[in-house]
Amino acid sequence: MLVKILGGIDLIAAFSFLTFIFGFEPFLPLIIFSAGLLFLKSLFIFAGDILSFLDLFSSILLAISIFFLPPMFLLWATAFLLLGKGIVSFI
């Protein structure tokens, strides 16, 4: 059950990245909430989970995306990686 909750966090963050990619006005509390949850989730890196580095990178990129628009290839790559992690956790 915990894996599905953590996968849901990945899917919400991927949706947030996709709003930036397609030029929609992002819901700011959702962006801040998902960046914070991804940062908390990235603390699993201390337990040896290598993919938590992706969560740390994604939370930093999501926080930066509030103020600046990062290059599109970073947004696309991060969105697809988070989508992949989220979908795999539901299988």
PDB file of N, CA and C in Angstrom:
ATOM      1  N   MET A   1       0.820  -1.194   0.000  1.00  0.00           N
ATOM      2  CA  MET A   1       0.000   0.000   0.000  1.00  0.00           C
ATOM      3  C   MET A   1       0.866   1.260   0.000  1.00  0.00           C
ATOM      4  N   LEU A   2       1.960   1.227   0.747  1.00  0.00           N
ATOM      5  CA  LEU A   2       2.848   2.383   0.808  1.00  0.00           C
ATOM      6  C   LEU A   2       3.491   2.661  -0.546  1.00  0.00           C
ATOM      7  N   VAL A   3       3.798   1.599  -1.288  1.00  0.00           N
ATOM      8  CA  VAL A   3       4.399   1.760  -2.608  1.00  0.00           C
ATOM      9  C   VAL A   3       3.429   2.467  -3.549  1.00  0.00           C
ATOM     10  N   LYS A   4       2.146   2.178  -3.441  1.00  0.00           N
ATOM     11  CA  LYS A   4       1.152   2.835  -4.304  1.00  0.00           C
ATOM     12  C   LYS A   4       0.991   4.309  -3.941  1.00  0.00           C
ATOM     13  N   ILE A   5       1.093   4.630  -2.665  1.00  0.00           N
ATOM     14  CA  ILE A   5       1.020   6.035  -2.248  1.00  0.00           C
ATOM     15  C   ILE A   5       2.229   6.798  -2.777  1.00  0.00           C
ATOM     16  N   LEU A   6       3.401   6.204  -2.653  1.00  0.00           N
ATOM     17  CA  LEU A   6       4.603   6.854  -3.166  1.00  0.00           C
ATOM     18  C   LEU A   6       4.566   6.971  -4.689  1.00  0.00           C
ATOM     19  N   GLY A   7       3.991   5.993  -5.365  1.00  0.00           N
ATOM     20  CA  GLY A   7       3.811   6.073  -6.811  1.00  0.00           C
ATOM     21  C   GLY A   7       2.815   7.149  -7.196  1.00  0.00           C
ATOM     22  N   GLY A   8       1.802   7.339  -6.376  1.00  0.00           N
ATOM     23  CA  GLY A   8       0.845   8.416  -6.619  1.00  0.00           C
ATOM     24  C   GLY A   8       1.505   9.780  -6.516  1.00  0.00           C
ATOM     25  N   ILE A   9       2.443   9.920  -5.588  1.00  0.00           N
ATOM     26  CA  ILE A   9       3.193  11.176  -5.472  1.00  0.00           C
ATOM     27  C   ILE A   9       3.990  11.419  -6.756  1.00  0.00           C
ATOM     28  N   ASP A  10       4.587  10.363  -7.294  1.00  0.00           N
ATOM     29  CA  ASP A  10       5.320  10.496  -8.563  1.00  0.00           C
ATOM     30  C   ASP A  10       4.393  10.914  -9.701  1.00  0.00           C
ATOM     31  N   LEU A  11       3.206  10.356  -9.744  1.00  0.00           N
ATOM     32  CA  LEU A  11       2.263  10.700 -10.816  1.00  0.00           C
ATOM     33  C   LEU A  11       1.786  12.147 -10.694  1.00  0.00           C
ATOM     34  N   ILE A  12       1.550  12.604  -9.473  1.00  0.00           N
ATOM     35  CA  ILE A  12       1.140  14.000  -9.273  1.00  0.00           C
ATOM     36  C   ILE A  12       2.262  14.947  -9.698  1.00  0.00           C
ATOM     37  N   ALA A  13       3.498  14.611  -9.358  1.00  0.00           N
ATOM     38  CA  ALA A  13       4.629  15.454  -9.753  1.00  0.00           C
ATOM     39  C   ALA A  13       4.811  15.440 -11.270  1.00  0.00           C
ATOM     40  N   ALA A  14       4.616  14.288 -11.897  1.00  0.00           N
ATOM     41  CA  ALA A  14       4.720  14.216 -13.360  1.00  0.00           C
ATOM     42  C   ALA A  14       3.633  15.070 -14.003  1.00  0.00           C
ATOM     43  N   PHE A  15       2.427  15.048 -13.438  1.00  0.00           N
ATOM     44  CA  PHE A  15       1.355  15.906 -13.938  1.00  0.00           C
ATOM     45  C   PHE A  15       1.733  17.377 -13.797  1.00  0.00           C
ATOM     46  N   SER A  16       2.403  17.722 -12.705  1.00  0.00           N
ATOM     47  CA  SER A  16       2.838  19.105 -12.515  1.00  0.00           C
ATOM     48  C   SER A  16       3.851  19.506 -13.579  1.00  0.00           C
ATOM     49  N   PHE A  17       4.779  18.602 -13.893  1.00  0.00           N
ATOM     50  CA  PHE A  17       5.743  18.895 -14.958  1.00  0.00           C
ATOM     51  C   PHE A  17       5.042  19.037 -16.307  1.00  0.00           C
ATOM     52  N   LEU A  18       4.049  18.216 -16.546  1.00  0.00           N
ATOM     53  CA  LEU A  18       3.345  18.290 -17.823  1.00  0.00           C
ATOM     54  C   LEU A  18       2.565  19.597 -17.966  1.00  0.00           C
ATOM     55  N   THR A  19       2.095  20.165 -16.856  1.00  0.00           N
ATOM     56  CA  THR A  19       1.431  21.468 -16.954  1.00  0.00           C
ATOM     57  C   THR A  19       2.415  22.545 -17.393  1.00  0.00           C
ATOM     58  N   PHE A  20       3.655  22.448 -16.918  1.00  0.00           N
ATOM     59  CA  PHE A  20       4.667  23.401 -17.370  1.00  0.00           C
ATOM     60  C   PHE A  20       5.007  23.185 -18.841  1.00  0.00           C
ATOM     61  N   ILE A  21       5.085  21.929 -19.250  1.00  0.00           N
ATOM     62  CA  ILE A  21       5.483  21.622 -20.623  1.00  0.00           C
ATOM     63  C   ILE A  21       4.466  22.138 -21.626  1.00  0.00           C
ATOM     64  N   PHE A  22       3.179  21.915 -21.350  1.00  0.00           N
ATOM     65  CA  PHE A  22       2.150  22.293 -22.306  1.00  0.00           C
ATOM     66  C   PHE A  22       1.639  23.715 -22.121  1.00  0.00           C
ATOM     67  N   GLY A  23       2.262  24.476 -21.229  1.00  0.00           N
ATOM     68  CA  GLY A  23       1.984  25.897 -21.127  1.00  0.00           C
ATOM     69  C   GLY A  23       0.737  26.275 -20.360  1.00  0.00           C
ATOM     70  N   PHE A  24       0.189  25.360 -19.573  1.00  0.00           N
ATOM     71  CA  PHE A  24      -0.962  25.706 -18.753  1.00  0.00           C
ATOM     72  C   PHE A  24      -0.503  26.451 -17.507  1.00  0.00           C
ATOM     73  N   GLU A  25      -1.390  27.214 -16.945  1.00  0.00           N
ATOM     74  CA  GLU A  25      -1.087  27.911 -15.705  1.00  0.00           C
ATOM     75  C   GLU A  25      -1.124  26.898 -14.559  1.00  0.00           C
ATOM     76  N   PRO A  26       0.026  26.626 -13.933  1.00  0.00           N
ATOM     77  CA  PRO A  26       0.048  25.603 -12.878  1.00  0.00           C
ATOM     78  C   PRO A  26      -0.604  26.118 -11.599  1.00  0.00           C
ATOM     79  N   PHE A  27      -1.193  25.206 -10.878  1.00  0.00           N
ATOM     80  CA  PHE A  27      -1.800  25.510  -9.587  1.00  0.00           C
ATOM     81  C   PHE A  27      -0.664  25.544  -8.566  1.00  0.00           C
ATOM     82  N   LEU A  28      -0.306  26.736  -8.106  1.00  0.00           N
ATOM     83  CA  LEU A  28       0.898  26.940  -7.307  1.00  0.00           C
ATOM     84  C   LEU A  28       0.938  26.094  -6.029  1.00  0.00           C
ATOM     85  N   PRO A  29      -0.150  25.973  -5.261  1.00  0.00           N
ATOM     86  CA  PRO A  29      -0.062  25.108  -4.068  1.00  0.00           C
ATOM     87  C   PRO A  29       0.214  23.645  -4.407  1.00  0.00           C
ATOM     88  N   LEU A  30      -0.293  23.175  -5.548  1.00  0.00           N
ATOM     89  CA  LEU A  30      -0.013  21.802  -5.964  1.00  0.00           C
ATOM     90  C   LEU A  30       1.458  21.634  -6.314  1.00  0.00           C
ATOM     91  N   ILE A  31       2.046  22.622  -6.958  1.00  0.00           N
ATOM     92  CA  ILE A  31       3.452  22.567  -7.322  1.00  0.00           C
ATOM     93  C   ILE A  31       4.319  22.539  -6.065  1.00  0.00           C
ATOM     94  N   ILE A  32       4.027  23.403  -5.122  1.00  0.00           N
ATOM     95  CA  ILE A  32       4.805  23.459  -3.883  1.00  0.00           C
ATOM     96  C   ILE A  32       4.616  22.184  -3.072  1.00  0.00           C
ATOM     97  N   PHE A  33       3.392  21.682  -3.015  1.00  0.00           N
ATOM     98  CA  PHE A  33       3.103  20.462  -2.275  1.00  0.00           C
ATOM     99  C   PHE A  33       3.826  19.262  -2.872  1.00  0.00           C
ATOM    100  N   SER A  34       3.783  19.130  -4.196  1.00  0.00           N
ATOM    101  CA  SER A  34       4.440  17.983  -4.825  1.00  0.00           C
ATOM    102  C   SER A  34       5.960  18.105  -4.749  1.00  0.00           C
ATOM    103  N   ALA A  35       6.499  19.322  -4.811  1.00  0.00           N
ATOM    104  CA  ALA A  35       7.950  19.483  -4.656  1.00  0.00           C
ATOM    105  C   ALA A  35       8.380  19.111  -3.241  1.00  0.00           C
ATOM    106  N   GLY A  36       7.588  19.492  -2.262  1.00  0.00           N
ATOM    107  CA  GLY A  36       7.904  19.120  -0.879  1.00  0.00           C
ATOM    108  C   GLY A  36       7.808  17.626  -0.640  1.00  0.00           C
ATOM    109  N   LEU A  37       6.776  16.997  -1.198  1.00  0.00           N
ATOM    110  CA  LEU A  37       6.645  15.547  -1.034  1.00  0.00           C
ATOM    111  C   LEU A  37       7.766  14.793  -1.746  1.00  0.00           C
ATOM    112  N   LEU A  38       8.154  15.278  -2.907  1.00  0.00           N
ATOM    113  CA  LEU A  38       9.270  14.641  -3.601  1.00  0.00           C
ATOM    114  C   LEU A  38      10.567  14.796  -2.820  1.00  0.00           C
ATOM    115  N   PHE A  39      10.733  15.943  -2.175  1.00  0.00           N
ATOM    116  CA  PHE A  39      11.939  16.120  -1.364  1.00  0.00           C
ATOM    117  C   PHE A  39      11.929  15.168  -0.176  1.00  0.00           C
ATOM    118  N   LEU A  40      10.790  15.038   0.483  1.00  0.00           N
ATOM    119  CA  LEU A  40      10.702  14.086   1.593  1.00  0.00           C
ATOM    120  C   LEU A  40      10.921  12.657   1.115  1.00  0.00           C
ATOM    121  N   LYS A  41      10.398  12.349  -0.054  1.00  0.00           N
ATOM    122  CA  LYS A  41      10.569  11.023  -0.625  1.00  0.00           C
ATOM    123  C   LYS A  41      12.016  10.766  -1.018  1.00  0.00           C
ATOM    124  N   SER A  42      12.741  11.823  -1.338  1.00  0.00           N
ATOM    125  CA  SER A  42      14.138  11.656  -1.743  1.00  0.00           C
ATOM    126  C   SER A  42      15.033  11.310  -0.566  1.00  0.00           C
ATOM    127  N   LEU A  43      14.541  11.432   0.637  1.00  0.00           N
ATOM    128  CA  LEU A  43      15.347  11.077   1.803  1.00  0.00           C
ATOM    129  C   LEU A  43      15.591   9.579   1.899  1.00  0.00           C
ATOM    130  N   PHE A  44      14.883   8.778   1.079  1.00  0.00           N
ATOM    131  CA  PHE A  44      15.150   7.340   1.022  1.00  0.00           C
ATOM    132  C   PHE A  44      16.521   7.057   0.417  1.00  0.00           C
ATOM    133  N   ILE A  45      17.175   8.089  -0.114  1.00  0.00           N
ATOM    134  CA  ILE A  45      18.509   7.896  -0.670  1.00  0.00           C
ATOM    135  C   ILE A  45      19.485   7.467   0.423  1.00  0.00           C
ATOM    136  N   PHE A  46      19.209   7.871   1.653  1.00  0.00           N
ATOM    137  CA  PHE A  46      20.070   7.476   2.760  1.00  0.00           C
ATOM    138  C   PHE A  46      19.905   6.002   3.106  1.00  0.00           C
ATOM    139  N   ALA A  47      18.824   5.389   2.673  1.00  0.00           N
ATOM    140  CA  ALA A  47      18.610   3.965   2.887  1.00  0.00           C
ATOM    141  C   ALA A  47      19.192   3.135   1.742  1.00  0.00           C
ATOM    142  N   GLY A  48      19.765   3.788   0.747  1.00  0.00           N
ATOM    143  CA  GLY A  48      20.408   3.080  -0.350  1.00  0.00           C
ATOM    144  C   GLY A  48      19.588   2.992  -1.616  1.00  0.00           C
ATOM    145  N   ASP A  49      18.454   3.670  -1.678  1.00  0.00           N
ATOM    146  CA  ASP A  49      17.631   3.645  -2.885  1.00  0.00           C
ATOM    147  C   ASP A  49      18.191   4.644  -3.891  1.00  0.00           C
ATOM    148  N   ILE A  50      18.710   4.139  -4.987  1.00  0.00           N
ATOM    149  CA  ILE A  50      19.390   4.987  -5.971  1.00  0.00           C
ATOM    150  C   ILE A  50      18.395   5.870  -6.722  1.00  0.00           C
ATOM    151  N   LEU A  51      17.182   5.377  -6.983  1.00  0.00           N
ATOM    152  CA  LEU A  51      16.205   6.174  -7.728  1.00  0.00           C
ATOM    153  C   LEU A  51      15.685   7.364  -6.932  1.00  0.00           C
ATOM    154  N   SER A  52      16.002   7.439  -5.652  1.00  0.00           N
ATOM    155  CA  SER A  52      15.611   8.606  -4.871  1.00  0.00           C
ATOM    156  C   SER A  52      16.384   9.843  -5.297  1.00  0.00           C
ATOM    157  N   PHE A  53      17.513   9.637  -5.967  1.00  0.00           N
ATOM    158  CA  PHE A  53      18.224  10.784  -6.524  1.00  0.00           C
ATOM    159  C   PHE A  53      17.369  11.483  -7.570  1.00  0.00           C
ATOM    160  N   LEU A  54      16.583  10.711  -8.312  1.00  0.00           N
ATOM    161  CA  LEU A  54      15.667  11.294  -9.289  1.00  0.00           C
ATOM    162  C   LEU A  54      14.610  12.146  -8.584  1.00  0.00           C
ATOM    163  N   ASP A  55      14.139  11.694  -7.434  1.00  0.00           N
ATOM    164  CA  ASP A  55      13.166  12.478  -6.676  1.00  0.00           C
ATOM    165  C   ASP A  55      13.770  13.786  -6.184  1.00  0.00           C
ATOM    166  N   LEU A  56      15.024  13.733  -5.734  1.00  0.00           N
ATOM    167  CA  LEU A  56      15.692  14.950  -5.275  1.00  0.00           C
ATOM    168  C   LEU A  56      15.870  15.927  -6.426  1.00  0.00           C
ATOM    169  N   PHE A  57      16.340  15.426  -7.568  1.00  0.00           N
ATOM    170  CA  PHE A  57      16.512  16.274  -8.743  1.00  0.00           C
ATOM    171  C   PHE A  57      15.171  16.854  -9.199  1.00  0.00           C
ATOM    172  N   SER A  58      14.126  16.032  -9.161  1.00  0.00           N
ATOM    173  CA  SER A  58      12.805  16.483  -9.597  1.00  0.00           C
ATOM    174  C   SER A  58      12.239  17.549  -8.669  1.00  0.00           C
ATOM    175  N   SER A  59      12.445  17.393  -7.368  1.00  0.00           N
ATOM    176  CA  SER A  59      11.916  18.397  -6.436  1.00  0.00           C
ATOM    177  C   SER A  59      12.630  19.726  -6.604  1.00  0.00           C
ATOM    178  N   ILE A  60      13.932  19.680  -6.832  1.00  0.00           N
ATOM    179  CA  ILE A  60      14.678  20.919  -7.059  1.00  0.00           C
ATOM    180  C   ILE A  60      14.246  21.563  -8.369  1.00  0.00           C
ATOM    181  N   LEU A  61      14.102  20.762  -9.411  1.00  0.00           N
ATOM    182  CA  LEU A  61      13.676  21.292 -10.711  1.00  0.00           C
ATOM    183  C   LEU A  61      12.255  21.848 -10.650  1.00  0.00           C
ATOM    184  N   LEU A  62      11.395  21.201  -9.886  1.00  0.00           N
ATOM    185  CA  LEU A  62      10.019  21.685  -9.754  1.00  0.00           C
ATOM    186  C   LEU A  62       9.982  23.005  -9.001  1.00  0.00           C
ATOM    187  N   ALA A  63      10.826  23.140  -7.980  1.00  0.00           N
ATOM    188  CA  ALA A  63      10.888  24.404  -7.239  1.00  0.00           C
ATOM    189  C   ALA A  63      11.457  25.520  -8.100  1.00  0.00           C
ATOM    190  N   ILE A  64      12.441  25.201  -8.921  1.00  0.00           N
ATOM    191  CA  ILE A  64      13.019  26.206  -9.823  1.00  0.00           C
ATOM    192  C   ILE A  64      12.002  26.603 -10.887  1.00  0.00           C
ATOM    193  N   SER A  65      11.158  25.654 -11.293  1.00  0.00           N
ATOM    194  CA  SER A  65      10.186  25.913 -12.361  1.00  0.00           C
ATOM    195  C   SER A  65       9.122  26.915 -11.954  1.00  0.00           C
ATOM    196  N   ILE A  66       8.976  27.165 -10.684  1.00  0.00           N
ATOM    197  CA  ILE A  66       8.012  28.173 -10.235  1.00  0.00           C
ATOM    198  C   ILE A  66       8.458  29.558 -10.688  1.00  0.00           C
ATOM    199  N   PHE A  67       9.765  29.800 -10.620  1.00  0.00           N
ATOM    200  CA  PHE A  67      10.285  31.128 -10.924  1.00  0.00           C
ATOM    201  C   PHE A  67      10.846  31.254 -12.337  1.00  0.00           C
ATOM    202  N   PHE A  68      11.496  30.204 -12.824  1.00  0.00           N
ATOM    203  CA  PHE A  68      12.122  30.218 -14.146  1.00  0.00           C
ATOM    204  C   PHE A  68      11.646  29.010 -14.930  1.00  0.00           C
ATOM    205  N   LEU A  69      11.727  29.093 -16.241  1.00  0.00           N
ATOM    206  CA  LEU A  69      11.385  27.949 -17.086  1.00  0.00           C
ATOM    207  C   LEU A  69      12.670  27.236 -17.489  1.00  0.00           C
ATOM    208  N   PRO A  70      12.911  26.049 -16.940  1.00  0.00           N
ATOM    209  CA  PRO A  70      14.114  25.297 -17.320  1.00  0.00           C
ATOM    210  C   PRO A  70      14.022  24.821 -18.765  1.00  0.00           C
ATOM    211  N   PRO A  71      15.116  24.326 -19.307  1.00  0.00           N
ATOM    212  CA  PRO A  71      15.063  23.803 -20.678  1.00  0.00           C
ATOM    213  C   PRO A  71      14.038  22.683 -20.813  1.00  0.00           C
ATOM    214  N   MET A  72      13.405  22.637 -21.960  1.00  0.00           N
ATOM    215  CA  MET A  72      12.311  21.687 -22.173  1.00  0.00           C
ATOM    216  C   MET A  72      12.746  20.231 -22.090  1.00  0.00           C
ATOM    217  N   PHE A  73      13.966  19.928 -22.516  1.00  0.00           N
ATOM    218  CA  PHE A  73      14.386  18.527 -22.471  1.00  0.00           C
ATOM    219  C   PHE A  73      14.501  18.038 -21.027  1.00  0.00           C
ATOM    220  N   LEU A  74      14.842  18.927 -20.096  1.00  0.00           N
ATOM    221  CA  LEU A  74      14.868  18.532 -18.682  1.00  0.00           C
ATOM    222  C   LEU A  74      13.460  18.267 -18.163  1.00  0.00           C
ATOM    223  N   LEU A  75      12.520  19.102 -18.564  1.00  0.00           N
ATOM    224  CA  LEU A  75      11.138  18.911 -18.130  1.00  0.00           C
ATOM    225  C   LEU A  75      10.553  17.622 -18.706  1.00  0.00           C
ATOM    226  N   TRP A  76      10.807  17.385 -20.011  1.00  0.00           N
ATOM    227  CA  TRP A  76      10.284  16.165 -20.640  1.00  0.00           C
ATOM    228  C   TRP A  76      10.887  14.916 -20.019  1.00  0.00           C
ATOM    229  N   ALA A  77      12.204  14.915 -19.855  1.00  0.00           N
ATOM    230  CA  ALA A  77      12.882  13.730 -19.315  1.00  0.00           C
ATOM    231  C   ALA A  77      12.421  13.440 -17.888  1.00  0.00           C
ATOM    232  N   THR A  78      12.320  14.456 -17.080  1.00  0.00           N
ATOM    233  CA  THR A  78      11.889  14.264 -15.697  1.00  0.00           C
ATOM    234  C   THR A  78      10.445  13.804 -15.632  1.00  0.00           C
ATOM    235  N   ALA A  79       9.599  14.375 -16.468  1.00  0.00           N
ATOM    236  CA  ALA A  79       8.187  13.973 -16.471  1.00  0.00           C
ATOM    237  C   ALA A  79       8.033  12.507 -16.860  1.00  0.00           C
ATOM    238  N   PHE A  80       8.746  12.074 -17.899  1.00  0.00           N
ATOM    239  CA  PHE A  80       8.623  10.678 -18.325  1.00  0.00           C
ATOM    240  C   PHE A  80       9.226   9.709 -17.315  1.00  0.00           C
ATOM    241  N   LEU A  81      10.330  10.076 -16.684  1.00  0.00           N
ATOM    242  CA  LEU A  81      10.909   9.203 -15.667  1.00  0.00           C
ATOM    243  C   LEU A  81       9.981   9.064 -14.463  1.00  0.00           C
ATOM    244  N   LEU A  82       9.373  10.170 -14.052  1.00  0.00           N
ATOM    245  CA  LEU A  82       8.431  10.105 -12.928  1.00  0.00           C
ATOM    246  C   LEU A  82       7.162   9.330 -13.303  1.00  0.00           C
ATOM    247  N   LEU A  83       6.713   9.509 -14.543  1.00  0.00           N
ATOM    248  CA  LEU A  83       5.560   8.722 -15.005  1.00  0.00           C
ATOM    249  C   LEU A  83       5.872   7.228 -14.988  1.00  0.00           C
ATOM    250  N   GLY A  84       7.065   6.888 -15.432  1.00  0.00           N
ATOM    251  CA  GLY A  84       7.470   5.493 -15.418  1.00  0.00           C
ATOM    252  C   GLY A  84       7.537   4.915 -14.013  1.00  0.00           C
ATOM    253  N   LYS A  85       8.136   5.684 -13.096  1.00  0.00           N
ATOM    254  CA  LYS A  85       8.206   5.215 -11.704  1.00  0.00           C
ATOM    255  C   LYS A  85       6.817   5.078 -11.094  1.00  0.00           C
ATOM    256  N   GLY A  86       5.951   6.014 -11.407  1.00  0.00           N
ATOM    257  CA  GLY A  86       4.597   5.979 -10.839  1.00  0.00           C
ATOM    258  C   GLY A  86       3.772   4.835 -11.379  1.00  0.00           C
ATOM    259  N   ILE A  87       3.879   4.580 -12.663  1.00  0.00           N
ATOM    260  CA  ILE A  87       3.093   3.499 -13.271  1.00  0.00           C
ATOM    261  C   ILE A  87       3.585   2.132 -12.805  1.00  0.00           C
ATOM    262  N   VAL A  88       4.896   1.979 -12.697  1.00  0.00           N
ATOM    263  CA  VAL A  88       5.453   0.695 -12.244  1.00  0.00           C
ATOM    264  C   VAL A  88       5.034   0.396 -10.819  1.00  0.00           C
ATOM    265  N   SER A  89       4.875   1.404  -9.991  1.00  0.00           N
ATOM    266  CA  SER A  89       4.486   1.147  -8.604  1.00  0.00           C
ATOM    267  C   SER A  89       3.029   0.679  -8.490  1.00  0.00           C
ATOM    268  N   PHE A  90       2.231   0.902  -9.516  1.00  0.00           N
ATOM    269  CA  PHE A  90       0.846   0.441  -9.484  1.00  0.00           C
ATOM    270  C   PHE A  90       0.676  -0.950 -10.104  1.00  0.00           C
ATOM    271  N   ILE A  91       1.722  -1.456 -10.736  1.00  0.00           N
ATOM    272  CA  ILE A  91       1.614  -2.794 -11.360  1.00  0.00           C
ATOM    273  C   ILE A  91       1.922  -3.872 -10.359  1.00  0.00           C
TER     274      ILE A  91
END
